[in-house]
Amino acid sequence: MTRSTSLAALLAVSLAAGCATGIQLTDAGRRVNHITRADMPSGCNLIGDVAIGIPPDAARPRTEDELVVLMRNKAGDLGGNTLLVDNREQREDSGGRAYFRGRGVAYRCPLPEPTATASAATGAGEDTSGGDTGGGDTGDDGDVSDLLGE
Protein backbone atom coordinates (compact mmCIF):
# COMPACT_ATOMS: atom_id res chain seq x y z
CA MET A 1 0.00 0.00 0.00
CA THR A 2 2.84 2.41 0.59
CA ARG A 3 3.84 2.04 -3.04
CA SER A 4 0.39 3.04 -4.24
CA THR A 5 0.34 5.96 -1.81
CA SER A 6 3.76 7.10 -3.02
CA LEU A 7 2.67 6.66 -6.63
CA ALA A 8 -0.49 8.71 -6.01
CA ALA A 9 1.53 11.48 -4.36
CA LEU A 10 4.03 11.49 -7.24
CA LEU A 11 1.17 11.65 -9.75
CA ALA A 12 -0.43 14.58 -7.89
CA VAL A 13 2.87 16.49 -7.84
CA SER A 14 3.42 15.78 -11.53
CA LEU A 15 -0.04 17.02 -12.42
CA ALA A 16 0.42 20.18 -10.34
CA ALA A 17 3.78 20.84 -11.99
CA GLY A 18 2.19 20.31 -15.41
CA CYS A 19 -0.40 22.96 -14.66
CA ALA A 20 2.28 25.40 -13.58
CA THR A 21 3.93 25.39 -17.02
CA GLY A 22 1.45 27.90 -18.39
CA ILE A 23 -1.52 28.00 -20.68
CA GLN A 24 -0.89 26.91 -24.26
CA LEU A 25 -2.42 27.99 -27.55
CA THR A 26 -4.65 25.40 -29.17
CA ASP A 27 -4.55 24.74 -32.91
CA ALA A 28 -7.60 26.99 -33.30
CA GLY A 29 -5.97 29.69 -31.14
CA ARG A 30 -2.82 29.69 -33.30
CA ARG A 31 -4.92 30.81 -36.27
CA VAL A 32 -6.24 33.87 -34.40
CA ASN A 33 -4.51 37.24 -34.72
CA HIS A 34 -4.66 39.52 -31.67
CA ILE A 35 -5.01 43.07 -32.97
CA THR A 36 -5.62 46.58 -31.68
CA ARG A 37 -8.56 48.73 -32.69
CA ALA A 38 -6.23 50.86 -34.86
CA ASP A 39 -5.18 47.72 -36.80
CA MET A 40 -8.73 46.48 -37.41
CA PRO A 41 -9.08 45.62 -41.10
CA SER A 42 -12.23 46.29 -43.07
CA GLY A 43 -14.51 43.54 -44.30
CA CYS A 44 -14.59 41.54 -41.05
CA ASN A 45 -17.65 39.69 -39.82
CA LEU A 46 -18.55 39.67 -36.12
CA ILE A 47 -18.47 36.13 -34.71
CA GLY A 48 -19.16 36.70 -31.01
CA ASP A 49 -18.09 37.93 -27.60
CA VAL A 50 -15.07 36.45 -25.86
CA ALA A 51 -14.91 36.75 -22.06
CA ILE A 52 -12.38 35.17 -19.72
CA GLY A 53 -12.68 35.30 -15.93
CA ILE A 54 -16.12 36.89 -16.10
CA PRO A 55 -19.00 34.63 -14.99
CA PRO A 56 -20.01 32.13 -16.19
CA ASP A 57 -16.35 31.65 -17.26
CA ALA A 58 -14.34 30.46 -14.25
CA ALA A 59 -10.81 30.81 -15.66
CA ARG A 60 -8.29 32.71 -13.53
CA PRO A 61 -5.22 33.37 -15.70
CA ARG A 62 -2.32 34.61 -13.59
CA THR A 63 -0.73 36.81 -16.28
CA GLU A 64 -1.94 39.10 -18.99
CA ASP A 65 -0.25 36.86 -21.58
CA GLU A 66 -2.22 33.85 -20.32
CA LEU A 67 -5.40 35.90 -20.58
CA VAL A 68 -4.72 36.69 -24.25
CA VAL A 69 -3.87 33.03 -24.96
CA LEU A 70 -7.20 31.91 -23.46
CA MET A 71 -9.05 34.61 -25.41
CA ARG A 72 -7.35 33.58 -28.69
CA ASN A 73 -8.26 29.93 -28.01
CA LYS A 74 -11.89 30.86 -27.36
CA ALA A 75 -12.07 33.08 -30.46
CA GLY A 76 -10.66 30.22 -32.53
CA ASP A 77 -13.21 27.79 -31.08
CA LEU A 78 -15.95 30.19 -32.17
CA GLY A 79 -14.59 30.13 -35.74
CA GLY A 80 -12.87 33.51 -35.65
CA ASN A 81 -9.43 34.39 -36.96
CA THR A 82 -9.11 37.84 -35.36
CA LEU A 83 -9.42 38.94 -31.73
CA LEU A 84 -9.97 42.50 -30.61
CA VAL A 85 -9.57 42.83 -26.83
CA ASP A 86 -11.87 45.54 -25.48
CA ASN A 87 -10.71 45.50 -21.86
CA ARG A 88 -8.52 43.60 -19.44
CA GLU A 89 -8.00 44.09 -15.77
CA GLN A 90 -6.16 42.59 -12.87
CA ARG A 91 -8.25 41.42 -9.91
CA GLU A 92 -7.73 39.47 -6.70
CA ASP A 93 -9.57 36.34 -5.67
CA SER A 94 -10.82 35.76 -2.12
CA GLY A 95 -7.41 34.36 -1.13
CA GLY A 96 -5.60 37.52 -2.27
CA ARG A 97 -4.10 35.91 -5.40
CA ALA A 98 -3.95 38.13 -8.47
CA TYR A 99 -5.57 37.06 -11.73
CA PHE A 100 -6.62 38.72 -14.97
CA ARG A 101 -9.98 38.91 -16.62
CA GLY A 102 -11.01 40.46 -19.88
CA ARG A 103 -13.57 40.89 -22.59
CA GLY A 104 -13.12 41.03 -26.33
CA VAL A 105 -14.73 40.29 -29.67
CA ALA A 106 -13.99 37.54 -32.19
CA TYR A 107 -14.14 38.37 -35.89
CA ARG A 108 -13.73 36.45 -39.13
CA CYS A 109 -11.63 38.70 -41.37
CA PRO A 110 -10.52 38.19 -44.96
CA LEU A 111 -7.00 36.87 -45.16
CA PRO A 112 -4.39 38.94 -47.00
CA GLU A 113 -3.24 37.64 -50.36
CA PRO A 114 -0.03 35.64 -50.09
CA THR A 115 0.99 36.59 -53.65
CA ALA A 116 2.24 40.06 -52.64
CA THR A 117 5.22 38.62 -50.75
CA ALA A 118 5.82 35.85 -53.28
CA SER A 119 5.78 38.21 -56.27
CA ALA A 120 8.11 40.63 -54.48
CA ALA A 121 10.60 37.83 -53.83
CA THR A 122 10.49 36.35 -57.34
CA GLY A 123 10.03 39.51 -59.40
CA ALA A 124 13.34 41.16 -58.62
CA GLY A 125 13.86 42.42 -62.17
CA GLU A 126 10.68 43.64 -63.83
CA ASP A 127 7.56 45.35 -62.64
CA THR A 128 5.22 44.14 -65.41
CA SER A 129 3.71 41.04 -63.77
CA GLY A 130 0.46 42.75 -62.71
CA GLY A 131 1.63 44.07 -59.34
CA ASP A 132 -1.27 46.58 -59.28
CA THR A 133 -3.94 43.91 -58.94
CA GLY A 134 -2.14 41.54 -56.57
CA GLY A 135 -2.80 38.61 -58.93
CA GLY A 136 -5.99 38.88 -60.95
CA ASP A 137 -6.93 35.19 -60.87
CA THR A 138 -7.92 35.07 -57.19
CA GLY A 139 -11.59 35.78 -57.77
CA ASP A 140 -13.39 37.83 -55.15
CA ASP A 141 -10.30 38.44 -52.98
CA GLY A 142 -8.97 41.29 -55.17
CA ASP A 143 -9.83 43.99 -52.63
CA VAL A 144 -8.07 42.28 -49.70
CA SER A 145 -4.57 43.41 -50.69
CA ASP A 146 -5.02 46.78 -49.01
CA LEU A 147 -6.18 45.35 -45.65
CA LEU A 148 -2.82 45.37 -43.94
CA GLY A 149 -1.39 48.39 -45.73
CA GLU A 150 2.06 46.85 -45.90
C-alpha atoms as a PDB file:
ATOM      1  CA  MET A   1       0.000   0.000   0.000  1.00  0.00           C
ATOM      2  CA  THR A   2       2.842   2.410   0.590  1.00  0.00           C
ATOM      3  CA  ARG A   3       3.841   2.035  -3.044  1.00  0.00           C
ATOM      4  CA  SER A   4       0.393   3.035  -4.244  1.00  0.00           C
ATOM      5  CA  THR A   5       0.335   5.959  -1.809  1.00  0.00           C
ATOM      6  CA  SER A   6       3.756   7.101  -3.023  1.00  0.00           C
ATOM      7  CA  LEU A   7       2.666   6.655  -6.626  1.00  0.00           C
ATOM      8  CA  ALA A   8      -0.489   8.709  -6.006  1.00  0.00           C
ATOM      9  CA  ALA A   9       1.532  11.481  -4.363  1.00  0.00           C
ATOM     10  CA  LEU A  10       4.028  11.489  -7.238  1.00  0.00           C
ATOM     11  CA  LEU A  11       1.174  11.655  -9.749  1.00  0.00           C
ATOM     12  CA  ALA A  12      -0.429  14.582  -7.888  1.00  0.00           C
ATOM     13  CA  VAL A  13       2.867  16.489  -7.838  1.00  0.00           C
ATOM     14  CA  SER A  14       3.419  15.778 -11.534  1.00  0.00           C
ATOM     15  CA  LEU A  15      -0.039  17.019 -12.415  1.00  0.00           C
ATOM     16  CA  ALA A  16       0.423  20.178 -10.343  1.00  0.00           C
ATOM     17  CA  ALA A  17       3.775  20.838 -11.988  1.00  0.00           C
ATOM     18  CA  GLY A  18       2.190  20.311 -15.414  1.00  0.00           C
ATOM     19  CA  CYS A  19      -0.400  22.959 -14.664  1.00  0.00           C
ATOM     20  CA  ALA A  20       2.285  25.405 -13.584  1.00  0.00           C
ATOM     21  CA  THR A  21       3.931  25.392 -17.022  1.00  0.00           C
ATOM     22  CA  GLY A  22       1.447  27.903 -18.387  1.00  0.00           C
ATOM     23  CA  ILE A  23      -1.519  28.002 -20.681  1.00  0.00           C
ATOM     24  CA  GLN A  24      -0.893  26.907 -24.260  1.00  0.00           C
ATOM     25  CA  LEU A  25      -2.420  27.990 -27.552  1.00  0.00           C
ATOM     26  CA  THR A  26      -4.650  25.404 -29.171  1.00  0.00           C
ATOM     27  CA  ASP A  27      -4.551  24.744 -32.910  1.00  0.00           C
ATOM     28  CA  ALA A  28      -7.599  26.989 -33.299  1.00  0.00           C
ATOM     29  CA  GLY A  29      -5.969  29.687 -31.144  1.00  0.00           C
ATOM     30  CA  ARG A  30      -2.821  29.690 -33.299  1.00  0.00           C
ATOM     31  CA  ARG A  31      -4.923  30.811 -36.269  1.00  0.00           C
ATOM     32  CA  VAL A  32      -6.238  33.873 -34.398  1.00  0.00           C
ATOM     33  CA  ASN A  33      -4.507  37.245 -34.724  1.00  0.00           C
ATOM     34  CA  HIS A  34      -4.658  39.517 -31.674  1.00  0.00           C
ATOM     35  CA  ILE A  35      -5.014  43.075 -32.972  1.00  0.00           C
ATOM     36  CA  THR A  36      -5.623  46.577 -31.681  1.00  0.00           C
ATOM     37  CA  ARG A  37      -8.564  48.729 -32.689  1.00  0.00           C
ATOM     38  CA  ALA A  38      -6.225  50.859 -34.863  1.00  0.00           C
ATOM     39  CA  ASP A  39      -5.184  47.722 -36.804  1.00  0.00           C
ATOM     40  CA  MET A  40      -8.734  46.482 -37.408  1.00  0.00           C
ATOM     41  CA  PRO A  41      -9.081  45.617 -41.101  1.00  0.00           C
ATOM     42  CA  SER A  42     -12.228  46.289 -43.068  1.00  0.00           C
ATOM     43  CA  GLY A  43     -14.511  43.539 -44.303  1.00  0.00           C
ATOM     44  CA  CYS A  44     -14.592  41.538 -41.055  1.00  0.00           C
ATOM     45  CA  ASN A  45     -17.654  39.688 -39.820  1.00  0.00           C
ATOM     46  CA  LEU A  46     -18.549  39.665 -36.123  1.00  0.00           C
ATOM     47  CA  ILE A  47     -18.466  36.126 -34.710  1.00  0.00           C
ATOM     48  CA  GLY A  48     -19.160  36.702 -31.013  1.00  0.00           C
ATOM     49  CA  ASP A  49     -18.089  37.926 -27.603  1.00  0.00           C
ATOM     50  CA  VAL A  50     -15.070  36.445 -25.855  1.00  0.00           C
ATOM     51  CA  ALA A  51     -14.907  36.751 -22.064  1.00  0.00           C
ATOM     52  CA  ILE A  52     -12.381  35.167 -19.716  1.00  0.00           C
ATOM     53  CA  GLY A  53     -12.680  35.298 -15.933  1.00  0.00           C
ATOM     54  CA  ILE A  54     -16.120  36.889 -16.104  1.00  0.00           C
ATOM     55  CA  PRO A  55     -19.000  34.628 -14.989  1.00  0.00           C
ATOM     56  CA  PRO A  56     -20.006  32.135 -16.195  1.00  0.00           C
ATOM     57  CA  ASP A  57     -16.349  31.654 -17.259  1.00  0.00           C
ATOM     58  CA  ALA A  58     -14.340  30.462 -14.254  1.00  0.00           C
ATOM     59  CA  ALA A  59     -10.808  30.807 -15.658  1.00  0.00           C
ATOM     60  CA  ARG A  60      -8.294  32.705 -13.535  1.00  0.00           C
ATOM     61  CA  PRO A  61      -5.221  33.366 -15.700  1.00  0.00           C
ATOM     62  CA  ARG A  62      -2.322  34.612 -13.591  1.00  0.00           C
ATOM     63  CA  THR A  63      -0.726  36.806 -16.275  1.00  0.00           C
ATOM     64  CA  GLU A  64      -1.942  39.104 -18.994  1.00  0.00           C
ATOM     65  CA  ASP A  65      -0.251  36.864 -21.578  1.00  0.00           C
ATOM     66  CA  GLU A  66      -2.215  33.851 -20.319  1.00  0.00           C
ATOM     67  CA  LEU A  67      -5.403  35.902 -20.581  1.00  0.00           C
ATOM     68  CA  VAL A  68      -4.718  36.689 -24.246  1.00  0.00           C
ATOM     69  CA  VAL A  69      -3.871  33.032 -24.961  1.00  0.00           C
ATOM     70  CA  LEU A  70      -7.202  31.913 -23.464  1.00  0.00           C
ATOM     71  CA  MET A  71      -9.045  34.610 -25.413  1.00  0.00           C
ATOM     72  CA  ARG A  72      -7.354  33.581 -28.691  1.00  0.00           C
ATOM     73  CA  ASN A  73      -8.262  29.935 -28.012  1.00  0.00           C
ATOM     74  CA  LYS A  74     -11.888  30.856 -27.358  1.00  0.00           C
ATOM     75  CA  ALA A  75     -12.067  33.085 -30.464  1.00  0.00           C
ATOM     76  CA  GLY A  76     -10.662  30.220 -32.534  1.00  0.00           C
ATOM     77  CA  ASP A  77     -13.207  27.786 -31.075  1.00  0.00           C
ATOM     78  CA  LEU A  78     -15.954  30.190 -32.174  1.00  0.00           C
ATOM     79  CA  GLY A  79     -14.590  30.125 -35.743  1.00  0.00           C
ATOM     80  CA  GLY A  80     -12.872  33.512 -35.645  1.00  0.00           C
ATOM     81  CA  ASN A  81      -9.432  34.393 -36.964  1.00  0.00           C
ATOM     82  CA  THR A  82      -9.114  37.840 -35.361  1.00  0.00           C
ATOM     83  CA  LEU A  83      -9.419  38.938 -31.731  1.00  0.00           C
ATOM     84  CA  LEU A  84      -9.968  42.498 -30.612  1.00  0.00           C
ATOM     85  CA  VAL A  85      -9.574  42.834 -26.828  1.00  0.00           C
ATOM     86  CA  ASP A  86     -11.873  45.541 -25.477  1.00  0.00           C
ATOM     87  CA  ASN A  87     -10.711  45.503 -21.863  1.00  0.00           C
ATOM     88  CA  ARG A  88      -8.524  43.600 -19.445  1.00  0.00           C
ATOM     89  CA  GLU A  89      -8.003  44.090 -15.770  1.00  0.00           C
ATOM     90  CA  GLN A  90      -6.156  42.589 -12.868  1.00  0.00           C
ATOM     91  CA  ARG A  91      -8.249  41.423  -9.912  1.00  0.00           C
ATOM     92  CA  GLU A  92      -7.734  39.474  -6.699  1.00  0.00           C
ATOM     93  CA  ASP A  93      -9.569  36.345  -5.675  1.00  0.00           C
ATOM     94  CA  SER A  94     -10.818  35.757  -2.121  1.00  0.00           C
ATOM     95  CA  GLY A  95      -7.407  34.364  -1.126  1.00  0.00           C
ATOM     96  CA  GLY A  96      -5.600  37.516  -2.272  1.00  0.00           C
ATOM     97  CA  ARG A  97      -4.099  35.908  -5.402  1.00  0.00           C
ATOM     98  CA  ALA A  98      -3.945  38.130  -8.472  1.00  0.00           C
ATOM     99  CA  TYR A  99      -5.566  37.057 -11.732  1.00  0.00           C
ATOM    100  CA  PHE A 100      -6.621  38.722 -14.967  1.00  0.00           C
ATOM    101  CA  ARG A 101      -9.982  38.907 -16.617  1.00  0.00           C
ATOM    102  CA  GLY A 102     -11.015  40.464 -19.884  1.00  0.00           C
ATOM    103  CA  ARG A 103     -13.566  40.886 -22.591  1.00  0.00           C
ATOM    104  CA  GLY A 104     -13.120  41.033 -26.332  1.00  0.00           C
ATOM    105  CA  VAL A 105     -14.728  40.287 -29.665  1.00  0.00           C
ATOM    106  CA  ALA A 106     -13.986  37.543 -32.189  1.00  0.00           C
ATOM    107  CA  TYR A 107     -14.139  38.366 -35.888  1.00  0.00           C
ATOM    108  CA  ARG A 108     -13.734  36.452 -39.135  1.00  0.00           C
ATOM    109  CA  CYS A 109     -11.628  38.695 -41.368  1.00  0.00           C
ATOM    110  CA  PRO A 110     -10.519  38.192 -44.956  1.00  0.00           C
ATOM    111  CA  LEU A 111      -7.000  36.868 -45.163  1.00  0.00           C
ATOM    112  CA  PRO A 112      -4.394  38.944 -46.997  1.00  0.00           C
ATOM    113  CA  GLU A 113      -3.241  37.641 -50.359  1.00  0.00           C
ATOM    114  CA  PRO A 114      -0.028  35.645 -50.088  1.00  0.00           C
ATOM    115  CA  THR A 115       0.992  36.593 -53.650  1.00  0.00           C
ATOM    116  CA  ALA A 116       2.241  40.062 -52.636  1.00  0.00           C
ATOM    117  CA  THR A 117       5.224  38.623 -50.748  1.00  0.00           C
ATOM    118  CA  ALA A 118       5.819  35.849 -53.282  1.00  0.00           C
ATOM    119  CA  SER A 119       5.782  38.210 -56.273  1.00  0.00           C
ATOM    120  CA  ALA A 120       8.111  40.632 -54.479  1.00  0.00           C
ATOM    121  CA  ALA A 121      10.604  37.832 -53.830  1.00  0.00           C
ATOM    122  CA  THR A 122      10.488  36.346 -57.337  1.00  0.00           C
ATOM    123  CA  GLY A 123      10.028  39.506 -59.403  1.00  0.00           C
ATOM    124  CA  ALA A 124      13.340  41.164 -58.620  1.00  0.00           C
ATOM    125  CA  GLY A 125      13.859  42.421 -62.170  1.00  0.00           C
ATOM    126  CA  GLU A 126      10.681  43.636 -63.827  1.00  0.00           C
ATOM    127  CA  ASP A 127       7.556  45.354 -62.645  1.00  0.00           C
ATOM    128  CA  THR A 128       5.218  44.138 -65.406  1.00  0.00           C
ATOM    129  CA  SER A 129       3.708  41.041 -63.766  1.00  0.00           C
ATOM    130  CA  GLY A 130       0.464  42.753 -62.714  1.00  0.00           C
ATOM    131  CA  GLY A 131       1.631  44.072 -59.338  1.00  0.00           C
ATOM    132  CA  ASP A 132      -1.272  46.581 -59.281  1.00  0.00           C
ATOM    133  CA  THR A 133      -3.941  43.913 -58.936  1.00  0.00           C
ATOM    134  CA  GLY A 134      -2.141  41.541 -56.574  1.00  0.00           C
ATOM    135  CA  GLY A 135      -2.805  38.606 -58.928  1.00  0.00           C
ATOM    136  CA  GLY A 136      -5.985  38.884 -60.954  1.00  0.00           C
ATOM    137  CA  ASP A 137      -6.932  35.191 -60.873  1.00  0.00           C
ATOM    138  CA  THR A 138      -7.918  35.071 -57.186  1.00  0.00           C
ATOM    139  CA  GLY A 139     -11.589  35.776 -57.774  1.00  0.00           C
ATOM    140  CA  ASP A 140     -13.393  37.831 -55.155  1.00  0.00           C
ATOM    141  CA  ASP A 141     -10.295  38.436 -52.981  1.00  0.00           C
ATOM    142  CA  GLY A 142      -8.968  41.291 -55.170  1.00  0.00           C
ATOM    143  CA  ASP A 143      -9.831  43.985 -52.632  1.00  0.00           C
ATOM    144  CA  VAL A 144      -8.072  42.282 -49.699  1.00  0.00           C
ATOM    145  CA  SER A 145      -4.567  43.408 -50.687  1.00  0.00           C
ATOM    146  CA  ASP A 146      -5.024  46.775 -49.006  1.00  0.00           C
ATOM    147  CA  LEU A 147      -6.177  45.348 -45.648  1.00  0.00           C
ATOM    148  CA  LEU A 148      -2.822  45.366 -43.935  1.00  0.00           C
ATOM    149  CA  GLY A 149      -1.386  48.394 -45.731  1.00  0.00           C
ATOM    150  CA  GLU A 150       2.058  46.854 -45.905  1.00  0.00           C
END
